[in-house]
Amino acid sequence: MGVRHALLSIGLIIWACGLVSAADSAADRALAGHMLRRAYRTDVSLVSGGKAACAVVYPSESSDWRGLAEQVAGAIKALGADEVVMVSDTEAVPKRLGPLREDLEKKSLILLGDLNTNRALFAFYASYYTCCDGRYPGGAGYELRTVVRPFGRDANCLIIGGSSKEGCAAGVARFVERLKSLRRGRTVYLPYLLEVRLGDELRELLAPAI
């Protein structure tokens, strides 16, 4: 009798485990199906309804940076936008290490420079969205990097990063070139970008590992 009870108990346990496994599998399939649905975009909104959907944030340390911001804004206006907002980093982040100005939080930002020149990039750098600083990309190098939903916000951003004005100028030139492939319209999105050109020193340093 003891053996029969033991076998019956084992059978019930196996049956129960089967039900749980089946339920888990169904839940996993449902969850997997849900996770496959992407509810957000990976591109950057440049023009929406004929109006600029983005703002350009540039370093305030010299007029050269303002000139680069004007090139970026001009390329976006050529796609059908009205006036593009351009703000210096000290306007965008009034207090050093402070938060981004509230009216800019819902906009797609195009940020120029690096950690050392643009205080609006500090939060991006600290959160590992970019590594642009005095060392990377280095020299005349640059990066064009889309940041998708930074800090959980819905507006995607683009970093035109450079360790120097020369590097950032090269990044801006490349950005303007990329925009020429987009069609002018009342709504324009810039597809996801990740393009890096390293400066000579960093390229030589990493050459043995590449």
Protein backbone atom coordinates (compact mmCIF):
# COMPACT_ATOMS: atom_id res chain seq x y z
CA MET A 1 0.00 0.00 0.00
CA GLY A 2 2.85 2.35 0.84
CA VAL A 3 4.40 1.75 -2.57
CA ARG A 4 1.09 2.38 -4.34
CA HIS A 5 0.61 5.66 -2.46
CA ALA A 6 4.16 6.69 -3.27
CA LEU A 7 3.66 5.95 -6.98
CA LEU A 8 0.35 7.82 -6.98
CA SER A 9 1.96 10.82 -5.31
CA ILE A 10 4.79 10.83 -7.84
CA GLY A 11 2.27 10.59 -10.68
CA LEU A 12 0.31 13.57 -9.32
CA ILE A 13 3.51 15.59 -8.98
CA ILE A 14 4.55 14.81 -12.58
CA TRP A 15 1.05 15.72 -13.81
CA ALA A 16 1.09 19.00 -11.87
CA CYS A 17 4.55 19.84 -13.17
CA GLY A 18 3.30 19.22 -16.70
CA LEU A 19 0.46 21.70 -16.19
CA VAL A 20 2.85 24.30 -14.80
CA SER A 21 5.29 23.74 -17.65
CA ALA A 22 2.51 24.09 -20.22
CA ALA A 23 1.29 27.27 -18.56
CA ASP A 24 4.84 28.64 -18.44
CA SER A 25 5.36 27.84 -22.12
CA ALA A 26 2.13 29.61 -23.05
CA ALA A 27 3.13 32.60 -20.95
CA ASP A 28 6.62 32.62 -22.49
CA ARG A 29 5.12 32.57 -26.00
CA ALA A 30 2.76 35.41 -25.13
CA LEU A 31 5.56 37.39 -23.54
CA ALA A 32 7.90 36.78 -26.46
CA GLY A 33 5.19 37.91 -28.86
CA HIS A 34 4.69 41.06 -26.82
CA MET A 35 8.40 41.82 -26.62
CA LEU A 36 8.78 41.61 -30.39
CA ARG A 37 6.54 44.64 -30.80
CA ARG A 38 8.68 47.77 -30.80
CA ALA A 39 6.62 50.71 -29.61
CA TYR A 40 9.29 53.32 -30.24
CA ARG A 41 11.26 54.71 -33.16
CA THR A 42 15.03 54.59 -33.61
CA ASP A 43 15.29 57.54 -35.98
CA VAL A 44 15.56 61.23 -35.12
CA SER A 45 12.70 63.61 -35.88
CA LEU A 46 14.00 66.63 -37.78
CA VAL A 47 10.84 68.12 -39.28
CA SER A 48 7.25 67.65 -38.10
CA GLY A 49 4.33 69.39 -39.78
CA GLY A 50 6.67 71.78 -41.56
CA LYS A 51 8.25 72.89 -38.28
CA ALA A 52 11.62 72.00 -36.81
CA ALA A 53 11.24 69.10 -34.38
CA CYS A 54 14.75 69.40 -33.03
CA ALA A 55 17.13 71.84 -31.36
CA VAL A 56 20.87 72.23 -31.82
CA VAL A 57 22.97 72.54 -28.65
CA TYR A 58 26.49 73.85 -29.20
CA PRO A 59 29.45 74.81 -26.97
CA SER A 60 29.44 78.44 -25.91
CA GLU A 61 33.20 78.89 -25.66
CA SER A 62 33.68 80.51 -29.09
CA SER A 63 31.83 81.81 -32.15
CA ASP A 64 33.28 78.96 -34.22
CA TRP A 65 30.90 76.54 -32.50
CA ARG A 66 27.97 78.81 -33.29
CA GLY A 67 29.04 78.67 -36.93
CA LEU A 68 28.91 74.86 -36.88
CA ALA A 69 25.46 74.97 -35.29
CA GLU A 70 24.29 77.28 -38.09
CA GLN A 71 25.50 74.76 -40.68
CA VAL A 72 23.48 72.03 -38.98
CA ALA A 73 20.40 74.26 -38.72
CA GLY A 74 20.73 75.34 -42.36
CA ALA A 75 20.80 71.73 -43.55
CA ILE A 76 17.64 70.95 -41.55
CA LYS A 77 15.87 74.06 -42.87
CA ALA A 78 16.69 72.90 -46.41
CA LEU A 79 14.57 69.81 -45.71
CA GLY A 80 11.46 71.91 -45.06
CA ALA A 81 11.73 73.13 -41.47
CA ASP A 82 11.08 76.67 -40.36
CA GLU A 83 13.49 78.27 -37.90
CA VAL A 84 15.61 75.72 -36.07
CA VAL A 85 16.25 76.42 -32.39
CA MET A 86 19.95 76.86 -31.59
CA VAL A 87 21.06 77.19 -27.97
CA SER A 88 24.46 77.26 -26.34
CA ASP A 89 25.26 74.62 -23.75
CA THR A 90 25.15 77.21 -20.97
CA GLU A 91 21.63 78.16 -22.05
CA ALA A 92 20.53 74.53 -22.32
CA VAL A 93 22.01 73.65 -18.92
CA PRO A 94 22.11 76.92 -16.94
CA LYS A 95 23.69 75.35 -13.87
CA ARG A 96 26.85 73.29 -14.36
CA LEU A 97 26.06 69.60 -13.73
CA GLY A 98 22.42 70.67 -13.46
CA PRO A 99 19.39 69.41 -15.42
CA LEU A 100 18.54 70.19 -19.02
CA ARG A 101 16.22 73.14 -19.50
CA GLU A 102 12.66 71.86 -19.22
CA ASP A 103 11.44 73.16 -22.59
CA LEU A 104 14.16 71.14 -24.35
CA GLU A 105 13.42 67.79 -22.71
CA LYS A 106 10.76 66.76 -25.24
CA LYS A 107 12.73 67.84 -28.30
CA SER A 108 15.13 65.81 -30.38
CA LEU A 109 18.51 67.32 -29.57
CA ILE A 110 21.52 67.52 -31.86
CA LEU A 111 24.49 67.99 -29.57
CA LEU A 112 27.89 69.20 -30.76
CA GLY A 113 31.25 68.79 -29.06
CA ASP A 114 32.31 66.55 -26.22
CA LEU A 115 32.33 66.23 -22.44
CA ASN A 116 34.81 69.07 -22.04
CA THR A 117 33.14 71.61 -24.32
CA ASN A 118 29.39 70.99 -24.04
CA ARG A 119 27.91 70.74 -20.55
CA ALA A 120 24.67 69.31 -21.99
CA LEU A 121 26.68 66.19 -22.90
CA PHE A 122 27.71 65.47 -19.31
CA ALA A 123 24.58 63.45 -18.51
CA PHE A 124 24.94 61.48 -21.76
CA TYR A 125 28.59 60.74 -20.96
CA ALA A 126 27.85 59.76 -17.36
CA SER A 127 25.12 57.39 -18.57
CA TYR A 128 27.43 55.77 -21.19
CA TYR A 129 25.41 57.05 -24.15
CA THR A 130 28.65 58.49 -25.55
CA CYS A 131 32.37 58.37 -24.79
CA CYS A 132 33.30 61.66 -26.46
CA ASP A 133 35.97 63.45 -24.46
CA GLY A 134 39.48 64.80 -24.93
CA ARG A 135 40.77 61.33 -25.87
CA TYR A 136 37.97 59.85 -27.98
CA PRO A 137 37.44 60.10 -30.91
CA GLY A 138 40.60 62.20 -30.73
CA GLY A 139 42.29 64.72 -33.00
CA ALA A 140 40.31 65.41 -36.14
CA GLY A 141 38.09 62.39 -35.58
CA TYR A 142 34.34 62.50 -35.03
CA GLU A 143 31.31 60.38 -34.26
CA LEU A 144 27.72 60.57 -35.45
CA ARG A 145 25.69 58.65 -32.87
CA THR A 146 21.95 58.31 -32.53
CA VAL A 147 20.84 57.92 -28.91
CA VAL A 148 17.48 56.17 -28.68
CA ARG A 149 15.16 57.28 -25.87
CA PRO A 150 17.87 58.74 -23.63
CA PHE A 151 16.92 58.75 -19.94
CA GLY A 152 13.59 57.11 -20.88
CA ARG A 153 12.41 60.13 -22.87
CA ASP A 154 10.52 59.63 -26.12
CA ALA A 155 12.61 62.06 -28.19
CA ASN A 156 15.72 60.52 -29.74
CA CYS A 157 18.91 62.56 -29.99
CA LEU A 158 21.96 62.77 -32.21
CA ILE A 159 25.49 63.45 -31.03
CA ILE A 160 27.93 65.01 -33.46
CA GLY A 161 30.92 64.42 -31.26
CA GLY A 162 34.50 65.55 -31.57
CA SER A 163 37.47 66.05 -29.26
CA SER A 164 38.31 69.26 -31.13
CA LYS A 165 36.57 71.89 -33.21
CA GLU A 166 38.27 70.45 -36.30
CA GLY A 167 36.94 66.99 -35.54
CA CYS A 168 33.44 68.24 -34.87
CA ALA A 169 33.56 70.31 -38.07
CA ALA A 170 34.33 67.11 -39.98
CA GLY A 171 31.37 65.46 -38.24
CA VAL A 172 29.08 68.35 -39.17
CA ALA A 173 30.22 68.16 -42.80
CA ARG A 174 29.43 64.43 -42.82
CA PHE A 175 26.05 65.08 -41.18
CA VAL A 176 25.15 67.69 -43.82
CA GLU A 177 26.18 65.24 -46.52
CA ARG A 178 23.93 62.55 -45.05
CA LEU A 179 20.98 64.94 -44.95
CA LYS A 180 21.27 65.56 -48.69
CA SER A 181 20.05 62.00 -49.24
CA LEU A 182 16.76 62.74 -47.44
CA ARG A 183 13.67 64.01 -49.23
CA ARG A 184 12.36 67.44 -48.35
CA GLY A 185 8.89 67.38 -46.79
CA ARG A 186 6.60 68.38 -43.96
CA THR A 187 7.77 65.38 -41.95
CA VAL A 188 11.38 64.22 -42.09
CA TYR A 189 13.20 61.62 -40.00
CA LEU A 190 16.92 60.93 -39.94
CA PRO A 191 17.53 57.16 -39.89
CA TYR A 192 19.58 55.68 -37.06
CA LEU A 193 23.25 56.63 -37.35
CA LEU A 194 26.42 55.23 -35.85
CA GLU A 195 29.52 56.37 -37.69
CA VAL A 196 32.94 56.86 -36.11
CA ARG A 197 36.17 58.20 -37.56
CA LEU A 198 39.03 57.99 -35.09
CA GLY A 199 41.77 60.60 -34.85
CA ASP A 200 45.25 59.59 -36.01
CA GLU A 201 46.71 59.05 -32.52
CA LEU A 202 43.89 56.82 -31.32
CA ARG A 203 43.80 54.93 -34.61
CA GLU A 204 47.52 54.14 -34.29
CA LEU A 205 47.09 53.12 -30.67
CA LEU A 206 44.29 50.69 -31.51
CA ALA A 207 45.79 49.44 -34.77
CA PRO A 208 47.36 46.28 -33.22
CA ALA A 209 43.97 45.23 -31.88
CA ILE A 210 42.02 45.87 -35.09
